[in-house]
Amino acid sequence: MDERFIPRGVQRAPFWRFMAWIIPWFGVLLWGLYGASLCLYEGLNQTNMDNRFAFGLWIYLDLTVIAFGAGAFFTGFLLYIMKRRELQPVINTAVVLGLICYSSAIMVLMVDVGQPLRAWFTFWHPNTHSMLTEVTFCLTCYIVVLIIEYAPLVLKNRQFRNIPRFLVFEFELHKLMPVFAAIGAFLSFFHQGSLGGLYGVLRGRPFAFREELGIWPTTFFLFVLSAMAAGPSFVLVITRLVERLSAKRLVRQNVFATLGKISGMLLTIYLGLKSVDTLVWINGTSPSAGFPAFEYYQRASFGTWILFAEIVPFGLVPALMLLNAKVRNHTPLLVTAALLVLAGVTLNRFVLTIQTLSLPTLTFDPFLTYVPSWQEVATFAAVIAYGVLLYSISFRYLPLFPQEREIARIER
């Protein structure tokens, strides 16, 4: 029934099998929407967050998802601005992943705010001294850019291409992609940095507070670099996962190798700066605030192992792997290294969000513990289901991978 909408020259699973894949995810989406509706109708008392533990599962995973979504702006920047043509085969899937990550983050934030009908207050009454104001403006503008970048891909559907006006519109939009790629890179640079800078200016939280570099704390630049390193790895992992699930080769090996090399180079730079930042914090920033750094790691849940894990197994190890040409040409090792990169960024966001709020800052403060409620888990499960559904529909009906048709023809 839907064969008329599938791109020419490629094969997709039978419609019944596609529906068997879609329906369970749709069920997860409904469950998550129910949990979110409880939070909106009853209030945030449905969560396990409170005035002292204001950031929980949602903010932690939002920061992680937005870091993964950096593959969209960074891939577009490299392709359209830096002229790295070898990334052309994955630019479409990077845009879809970026749209999923950023739109889902905004949807969760609407639930987290508690009163989404008042979201316009941020724009009409902006707090010009808050980094979150800048994040709000940049996120809003960038989601518009991603929708514009996604539109030509939708218009490439074989049925839309039969409509001359849509064909002309898609052609004109495509010519503007370098402009939107530059705008997206500009917006993403500042909102990625400000998300990290938010923690760096928390003077009341010496564990997260950092010295300024110019007018921004060092966490501003570390967040940008870690997101840029994670973005290509996320595109690599998702593309390889789709290849396994669809039993098709979608891109050539050299594309995977290029993504791995870019991720490895950026991760190496990030690790160097992260190490310097950590040493300065341990020996200068934290002691000057009256907190020897070792005090933050006295509890088993947040021992020194967590700092070691972030820098060595999930940092140095994948960086060395990705810089090795033999590893980049060995797909299982390449994917393993990319997964380690993603795990390292995930751990970094966990440390800055959860560990920062758990640790006491006054002698009479308790060590706080936090376990998300089922409503929080369900709401984020809806985000995952939404992402799977949108990507699955895009993969089936849109030409995400330009090399797929050529590879299939060669293999036949």
Protein backbone atom coordinates (compact mmCIF):
# COMPACT_ATOMS: atom_id res chain seq x y z
CA MET A 1 0.00 0.00 0.00
CA ASP A 2 2.76 2.46 0.88
CA GLU A 3 5.22 1.39 -1.83
CA ARG A 4 4.33 4.51 -3.82
CA PHE A 5 5.93 6.65 -1.09
CA ILE A 6 9.15 4.65 -0.64
CA PRO A 7 12.18 6.19 -2.43
CA ARG A 8 12.99 4.64 -5.78
CA GLY A 9 15.84 2.17 -6.04
CA VAL A 10 15.75 1.04 -2.39
CA GLN A 11 13.99 -1.77 -0.58
CA ARG A 12 12.12 -1.53 2.69
CA ALA A 13 10.51 -4.13 4.95
CA PRO A 14 6.91 -5.19 4.21
CA PHE A 15 4.30 -2.84 5.61
CA TRP A 16 3.07 -5.36 8.18
CA ARG A 17 6.58 -5.76 9.57
CA PHE A 18 7.00 -2.00 9.72
CA MET A 19 3.75 -1.71 11.70
CA ALA A 20 4.88 -4.49 14.05
CA TRP A 21 7.96 -2.35 14.78
CA ILE A 22 5.96 0.89 15.13
CA ILE A 23 3.05 -0.22 17.35
CA PRO A 24 5.07 -1.08 20.53
CA TRP A 25 6.87 2.25 20.35
CA PHE A 26 3.54 3.99 19.91
CA GLY A 27 2.40 2.26 23.11
CA VAL A 28 5.46 3.59 24.95
CA LEU A 29 4.67 7.06 23.61
CA LEU A 30 1.11 6.90 24.98
CA TRP A 31 2.38 5.74 28.38
CA GLY A 32 4.83 8.63 28.48
CA LEU A 33 2.20 11.15 27.42
CA TYR A 34 0.02 9.94 30.28
CA GLY A 35 2.86 10.51 32.75
CA ALA A 36 3.53 13.96 31.30
CA SER A 37 -0.15 14.88 31.46
CA LEU A 38 -0.19 14.03 35.18
CA CYS A 39 2.77 16.37 35.72
CA LEU A 40 1.00 19.16 33.83
CA TYR A 41 -2.43 18.63 35.40
CA GLU A 42 -1.52 17.73 39.00
CA GLY A 43 1.75 19.66 39.16
CA LEU A 44 5.41 18.85 39.71
CA ASN A 45 4.55 17.09 42.97
CA GLN A 46 4.24 14.09 40.67
CA THR A 47 8.03 14.11 40.46
CA ASN A 48 10.64 13.43 43.15
CA MET A 49 12.30 16.80 42.62
CA ASP A 50 11.98 19.62 45.15
CA ASN A 51 13.27 23.13 45.82
CA ARG A 52 16.73 21.83 46.79
CA PHE A 53 16.97 19.18 44.07
CA ALA A 54 15.46 21.23 41.27
CA PHE A 55 17.37 19.47 38.46
CA GLY A 56 16.70 15.76 38.04
CA LEU A 57 16.34 13.12 35.37
CA TRP A 58 14.80 15.49 32.83
CA ILE A 59 17.53 18.14 32.92
CA TYR A 60 20.30 15.54 33.08
CA LEU A 61 19.03 13.62 30.05
CA ASP A 62 18.08 16.84 28.24
CA LEU A 63 21.70 18.00 28.48
CA THR A 64 22.84 14.60 27.22
CA VAL A 65 20.39 14.52 24.31
CA ILE A 66 21.28 18.07 23.27
CA ALA A 67 24.98 17.11 23.30
CA PHE A 68 24.23 14.13 21.05
CA GLY A 69 22.17 16.38 18.77
CA ALA A 70 25.27 18.51 18.17
CA GLY A 71 26.00 16.16 15.27
CA ALA A 72 23.45 18.12 13.25
CA PHE A 73 25.02 21.55 13.51
CA PHE A 74 28.62 20.31 13.46
CA THR A 75 28.14 18.01 10.46
CA GLY A 76 26.37 20.80 8.60
CA PHE A 77 29.17 23.21 9.48
CA LEU A 78 31.85 20.81 8.24
CA LEU A 79 29.96 19.98 5.04
CA TYR A 80 28.67 23.38 3.93
CA ILE A 81 31.19 25.76 5.47
CA MET A 82 34.40 23.70 5.65
CA LYS A 83 33.57 21.81 2.41
CA ARG A 84 34.13 18.32 3.84
CA ARG A 85 32.22 16.61 1.02
CA GLU A 86 32.87 13.14 2.41
CA LEU A 87 30.18 13.87 5.04
CA GLN A 88 27.45 14.34 2.40
CA PRO A 89 26.18 10.72 2.83
CA VAL A 90 25.23 11.32 6.50
CA ILE A 91 24.06 14.95 6.47
CA ASN A 92 20.39 13.95 6.10
CA THR A 93 20.43 11.55 9.01
CA ALA A 94 22.35 14.11 11.09
CA VAL A 95 19.57 16.66 10.46
CA VAL A 96 16.87 14.16 11.45
CA LEU A 97 18.75 13.23 14.63
CA GLY A 98 19.27 16.90 15.45
CA LEU A 99 15.58 17.64 14.96
CA ILE A 100 14.65 14.71 17.19
CA CYS A 101 17.08 15.66 19.96
CA TYR A 102 16.29 19.36 20.07
CA SER A 103 12.51 19.09 19.68
CA SER A 104 12.30 16.37 22.33
CA ALA A 105 14.42 18.45 24.69
CA ILE A 106 12.06 21.40 24.26
CA MET A 107 9.02 19.19 24.88
CA VAL A 108 10.47 17.84 28.12
CA LEU A 109 11.39 21.35 29.24
CA MET A 110 7.76 22.39 28.73
CA VAL A 111 6.76 19.70 31.22
CA ASP A 112 9.62 20.58 33.55
CA VAL A 113 8.56 24.25 33.66
CA GLY A 114 5.18 23.10 34.94
CA GLN A 115 3.20 25.88 33.27
CA PRO A 116 3.92 25.74 29.52
CA LEU A 117 1.19 28.29 28.83
CA ARG A 118 3.48 30.84 30.45
CA ALA A 119 6.50 29.89 28.37
CA TRP A 120 6.13 33.16 26.48
CA PHE A 121 7.19 35.00 29.66
CA THR A 122 10.77 34.07 28.84
CA PHE A 123 10.60 36.04 25.61
CA TRP A 124 8.47 38.95 26.78
CA HIS A 125 10.16 39.37 30.19
CA PRO A 126 13.70 38.05 29.63
CA ASN A 127 16.17 37.98 32.49
CA THR A 128 19.14 39.47 30.68
CA HIS A 129 21.49 38.33 33.46
CA SER A 130 20.60 34.66 33.06
CA MET A 131 22.39 32.21 30.79
CA LEU A 132 19.14 30.26 30.54
CA THR A 133 17.55 33.20 28.74
CA GLU A 134 20.19 32.96 26.04
CA VAL A 135 19.69 29.19 25.93
CA THR A 136 15.94 29.65 25.48
CA PHE A 137 16.34 32.09 22.61
CA CYS A 138 19.01 29.99 20.86
CA LEU A 139 17.09 26.72 21.26
CA THR A 140 13.93 28.29 19.88
CA CYS A 141 15.73 29.78 16.89
CA TYR A 142 17.72 26.62 16.20
CA ILE A 143 14.66 24.35 16.22
CA VAL A 144 13.24 26.62 13.49
CA VAL A 145 16.52 26.22 11.55
CA LEU A 146 16.33 22.42 11.91
CA ILE A 147 12.74 22.37 10.65
CA ILE A 148 13.83 24.41 7.63
CA GLU A 149 16.74 21.99 7.04
CA TYR A 150 14.37 19.02 7.38
CA ALA A 151 11.84 20.47 4.91
CA PRO A 152 13.89 19.79 1.72
CA LEU A 153 14.29 16.20 2.83
CA VAL A 154 10.51 15.81 3.16
CA LEU A 155 10.00 17.41 -0.23
CA LYS A 156 12.28 14.77 -1.75
CA ASN A 157 9.64 12.14 -1.13
CA ARG A 158 8.79 10.60 -4.51
CA GLN A 159 5.15 11.74 -4.33
CA PHE A 160 6.00 15.34 -3.49
CA ARG A 161 8.53 15.44 -6.31
CA ASN A 162 5.65 14.96 -8.76
CA ILE A 163 4.37 18.39 -7.77
CA PRO A 164 6.35 21.04 -9.74
CA ARG A 165 5.93 23.78 -7.14
CA PHE A 166 7.29 21.55 -4.38
CA LEU A 167 10.19 20.57 -6.61
CA VAL A 168 11.11 24.21 -7.22
CA PHE A 169 10.71 25.07 -3.54
CA GLU A 170 12.99 22.18 -2.52
CA PHE A 171 15.60 23.28 -5.06
CA GLU A 172 15.58 26.86 -3.77
CA LEU A 173 15.79 25.72 -0.14
CA HIS A 174 18.74 23.49 -0.95
CA LYS A 175 20.68 26.49 -2.26
CA LEU A 176 20.19 28.22 1.10
CA MET A 177 21.50 25.32 3.19
CA PRO A 178 25.00 26.84 3.67
CA VAL A 179 23.36 29.92 5.18
CA PHE A 180 21.23 27.88 7.58
CA ALA A 181 24.24 25.70 8.45
CA ALA A 182 26.19 28.81 9.45
CA ILE A 183 23.25 30.15 11.49
CA GLY A 184 22.82 26.77 13.16
CA ALA A 185 26.50 26.58 14.08
CA PHE A 186 26.36 30.08 15.59
CA LEU A 187 23.23 29.36 17.64
CA SER A 188 24.42 25.94 18.80
CA PHE A 189 27.83 27.22 19.86
CA PHE A 190 26.30 29.68 22.29
CA HIS A 191 23.52 27.57 23.72
CA GLN A 192 25.78 24.51 24.16
CA GLY A 193 28.28 26.73 25.94
CA SER A 194 25.72 28.50 28.09
CA LEU A 195 24.32 25.19 29.30
CA GLY A 196 27.79 24.39 30.64
CA GLY A 197 28.42 27.94 31.74
CA LEU A 198 25.31 27.75 33.91
CA TYR A 199 27.09 25.33 36.25
CA GLY A 200 30.36 27.20 36.10
CA VAL A 201 28.84 30.36 37.60
CA LEU A 202 27.21 28.60 40.58
CA ARG A 203 29.33 30.20 43.30
CA GLY A 204 27.19 28.52 45.92
CA ARG A 205 28.17 25.12 44.51
CA PRO A 206 31.99 24.95 44.73
CA PHE A 207 31.99 21.50 43.14
CA ALA A 208 30.79 22.96 39.84
CA PHE A 209 32.10 26.53 40.05
CA ARG A 210 34.98 27.32 37.69
CA GLU A 211 37.29 30.22 36.96
CA GLU A 212 36.47 32.55 34.11
CA LEU A 213 38.20 32.48 30.76
CA GLY A 214 37.38 35.86 29.28
CA ILE A 215 33.81 36.51 30.31
CA TRP A 216 32.78 32.82 30.42
CA PRO A 217 33.63 30.07 32.92
CA THR A 218 35.73 27.22 31.56
CA THR A 219 32.72 24.89 31.58
CA PHE A 220 31.29 27.00 28.74
CA PHE A 221 34.04 25.88 26.37
CA LEU A 222 34.23 22.32 27.74
CA PHE A 223 30.53 21.78 27.02
CA VAL A 224 30.93 23.00 23.45
CA LEU A 225 33.94 20.76 22.80
CA SER A 226 32.40 17.66 24.39
CA ALA A 227 29.21 18.13 22.36
CA MET A 228 31.21 18.55 19.15
CA ALA A 229 33.11 15.35 19.95
CA ALA A 230 29.94 13.41 20.79
CA GLY A 231 27.89 14.54 17.77
CA PRO A 232 29.82 12.65 15.05
CA SER A 233 29.99 9.55 17.28
CA PHE A 234 26.22 9.63 17.75
CA VAL A 235 25.64 9.88 14.00
CA LEU A 236 28.07 6.98 13.51
CA VAL A 237 26.40 4.75 16.12
CA ILE A 238 22.84 5.41 14.93
CA THR A 239 23.76 4.88 11.28
CA ARG A 240 25.44 1.58 12.11
CA LEU A 241 22.46 0.53 14.27
CA VAL A 242 20.07 1.25 11.41
CA GLU A 243 22.29 -0.80 9.10
CA ARG A 244 22.05 -3.75 11.47
CA LEU A 245 18.29 -3.45 11.97
CA SER A 246 17.57 -3.04 8.26
CA ALA A 247 20.24 -5.54 7.13
CA LYS A 248 21.44 -3.03 4.53
CA ARG A 249 24.63 -1.12 3.89
CA LEU A 250 23.76 2.56 3.92
CA VAL A 251 27.15 4.28 3.72
CA ARG A 252 30.67 3.28 2.80
CA GLN A 253 33.28 2.45 5.41
CA ASN A 254 35.26 5.61 4.72
CA VAL A 255 32.31 7.69 5.97
CA PHE A 256 32.37 5.87 9.31
CA ALA A 257 36.15 6.31 9.46
CA THR A 258 35.85 10.05 8.82
CA LEU A 259 33.25 10.49 11.56
CA GLY A 260 35.45 8.52 13.95
CA LYS A 261 38.54 10.55 13.13
CA ILE A 262 36.74 13.87 13.65
CA SER A 263 35.30 12.67 16.94
CA GLY A 264 38.69 11.39 18.11
CA MET A 265 40.52 14.63 17.30
CA LEU A 266 37.95 16.78 19.10
CA LEU A 267 37.85 14.39 22.07
CA THR A 268 41.62 14.62 22.41
CA ILE A 269 41.46 18.43 22.51
CA TYR A 270 38.62 18.25 25.03
CA LEU A 271 40.52 15.83 27.26
CA GLY A 272 43.57 18.08 27.31
CA LEU A 273 41.55 21.11 28.36
CA LYS A 274 39.42 19.05 30.75
CA SER A 275 42.55 17.76 32.50
CA VAL A 276 43.96 21.27 32.89
CA ASP A 277 40.60 22.53 34.15
CA THR A 278 40.36 19.70 36.70
CA LEU A 279 43.90 20.30 38.01
CA VAL A 280 43.25 24.03 38.41
CA TRP A 281 40.00 23.28 40.23
CA ILE A 282 41.62 20.72 42.56
CA ASN A 283 44.61 22.87 43.45
CA GLY A 284 43.14 26.37 43.29
CA THR A 285 39.45 27.00 42.77
CA SER A 286 38.00 24.56 45.28
CA PRO A 287 40.50 25.14 48.15
CA SER A 288 40.08 28.91 47.81
CA ALA A 289 36.35 28.42 48.49
CA GLY A 290 37.18 26.48 51.66
CA PHE A 291 36.48 23.01 50.26
CA PRO A 292 39.41 20.63 49.69
CA ALA A 293 38.58 18.73 46.52
CA PHE A 294 38.90 15.29 48.16
CA GLU A 295 35.83 16.03 50.30
CA TYR A 296 33.61 15.74 47.25
CA TYR A 297 34.65 12.13 46.73
CA GLN A 298 34.29 10.78 50.28
CA ARG A 299 30.99 9.03 49.55
CA ALA A 300 31.02 5.69 47.78
CA SER A 301 28.39 6.75 45.26
CA PHE A 302 30.63 9.62 44.09
CA GLY A 303 34.13 8.35 44.80
CA THR A 304 37.23 9.26 42.83
CA TRP A 305 36.37 6.38 40.53
CA ILE A 306 33.76 8.56 38.82
CA LEU A 307 36.36 11.19 37.88
CA PHE A 308 38.76 8.47 36.72
CA ALA A 309 36.04 6.78 34.66
CA GLU A 310 35.11 10.02 32.90
CA ILE A 311 38.68 10.89 31.91
CA VAL A 312 40.34 7.52 31.26
CA PRO A 313 37.99 4.64 30.21
CA PHE A 314 35.41 6.97 28.66
CA GLY A 315 37.85 9.62 27.48
CA LEU A 316 41.46 8.69 26.85
CA VAL A 317 40.76 5.12 25.72
CA PRO A 318 38.23 5.99 22.97
CA ALA A 319 40.34 8.98 21.90
CA LEU A 320 43.36 6.75 21.29
CA MET A 321 41.18 4.18 19.53
CA LEU A 322 39.63 6.74 17.20
CA LEU A 323 43.00 8.24 16.31
CA ASN A 324 44.22 4.81 15.19
CA ALA A 325 43.60 4.19 11.48
CA LYS A 326 43.40 0.40 11.95
CA VAL A 327 40.65 0.80 14.55
CA ARG A 328 38.71 3.20 12.32
CA ASN A 329 38.74 0.61 9.52
CA HIS A 330 37.48 -2.12 11.85
CA THR A 331 33.75 -1.46 12.26
CA PRO A 332 33.13 -3.30 15.59
CA LEU A 333 36.05 -1.52 17.28
CA LEU A 334 35.04 1.79 15.74
CA VAL A 335 31.49 1.47 17.06
CA THR A 336 32.81 0.43 20.47
CA ALA A 337 34.99 3.53 20.63
CA ALA A 338 32.07 5.74 19.60
CA LEU A 339 29.89 4.19 22.30
CA LEU A 340 32.60 4.94 24.88
CA VAL A 341 32.62 8.58 23.74
CA LEU A 342 28.86 8.81 24.22
CA ALA A 343 29.13 7.13 27.62
CA GLY A 344 31.76 9.68 28.68
CA VAL A 345 29.59 12.66 27.71
CA THR A 346 26.59 11.05 29.43
CA LEU A 347 28.65 10.60 32.61
CA ASN A 348 29.88 14.19 32.43
CA ARG A 349 26.32 15.54 32.29
CA PHE A 350 25.35 13.26 35.18
CA VAL A 351 28.20 14.54 37.33
CA LEU A 352 27.44 18.20 36.71
CA THR A 353 23.68 17.81 37.19
CA ILE A 354 23.15 15.11 39.83
CA GLN A 355 26.41 15.05 41.77
CA THR A 356 26.52 18.86 41.98
CA LEU A 357 23.11 18.98 43.68
CA SER A 358 23.63 15.91 45.88
CA LEU A 359 26.74 17.22 47.64
CA PRO A 360 26.19 19.44 50.72
CA THR A 361 27.57 22.97 50.60
CA LEU A 362 27.06 23.84 54.29
CA THR A 363 28.08 21.89 57.38
CA PHE A 364 24.48 21.29 58.44
CA ASP A 365 23.27 20.31 54.96
CA PRO A 366 22.54 16.60 54.38
CA PHE A 367 23.77 14.55 51.47
CA LEU A 368 20.78 14.50 49.13
CA THR A 369 19.59 11.42 47.32
CA TYR A 370 17.24 11.41 44.36
CA VAL A 371 15.41 8.67 42.51
CA PRO A 372 13.10 9.75 39.66
CA SER A 373 9.39 8.95 39.91
CA TRP A 374 7.68 6.75 37.35
CA GLN A 375 6.13 9.87 35.83
CA GLU A 376 9.61 11.27 35.14
CA VAL A 377 10.76 7.98 33.63
CA ALA A 378 7.59 7.69 31.53
CA THR A 379 7.92 11.24 30.22
CA PHE A 380 11.44 10.62 29.00
CA ALA A 381 10.44 7.22 27.64
CA ALA A 382 7.98 9.15 25.47
CA VAL A 383 10.91 11.19 24.16
CA ILE A 384 12.77 8.02 23.15
CA ALA A 385 9.64 6.58 21.53
CA TYR A 386 9.01 9.83 19.67
CA GLY A 387 12.58 9.77 18.36
CA VAL A 388 12.33 6.16 17.20
CA LEU A 389 9.00 6.82 15.48
CA LEU A 390 10.14 9.96 13.66
CA TYR A 391 13.42 8.39 12.55
CA SER A 392 11.71 5.16 11.46
CA ILE A 393 9.16 7.03 9.34
CA SER A 394 11.90 9.24 7.88
CA PHE A 395 14.06 6.23 7.02
CA ARG A 396 11.19 4.43 5.33
CA TYR A 397 9.77 7.27 3.26
CA LEU A 398 12.60 9.76 2.77
CA PRO A 399 15.98 9.39 1.02
CA LEU A 400 18.13 9.65 4.15
CA PHE A 401 21.20 7.96 2.69
CA PRO A 402 22.25 9.05 -0.83
CA GLN A 403 24.75 6.18 -1.13
CA GLU A 404 22.21 3.45 -0.32
CA ARG A 405 20.91 3.09 -3.88
CA GLU A 406 24.39 2.99 -5.40
CA ILE A 407 25.65 0.44 -2.84
CA ALA A 408 22.61 -1.77 -3.43
CA ARG A 409 23.17 -1.64 -7.20
CA ILE A 410 26.83 -2.65 -6.82
CA GLU A 411 26.00 -5.50 -4.44
CA ARG A 412 23.42 -6.87 -6.87
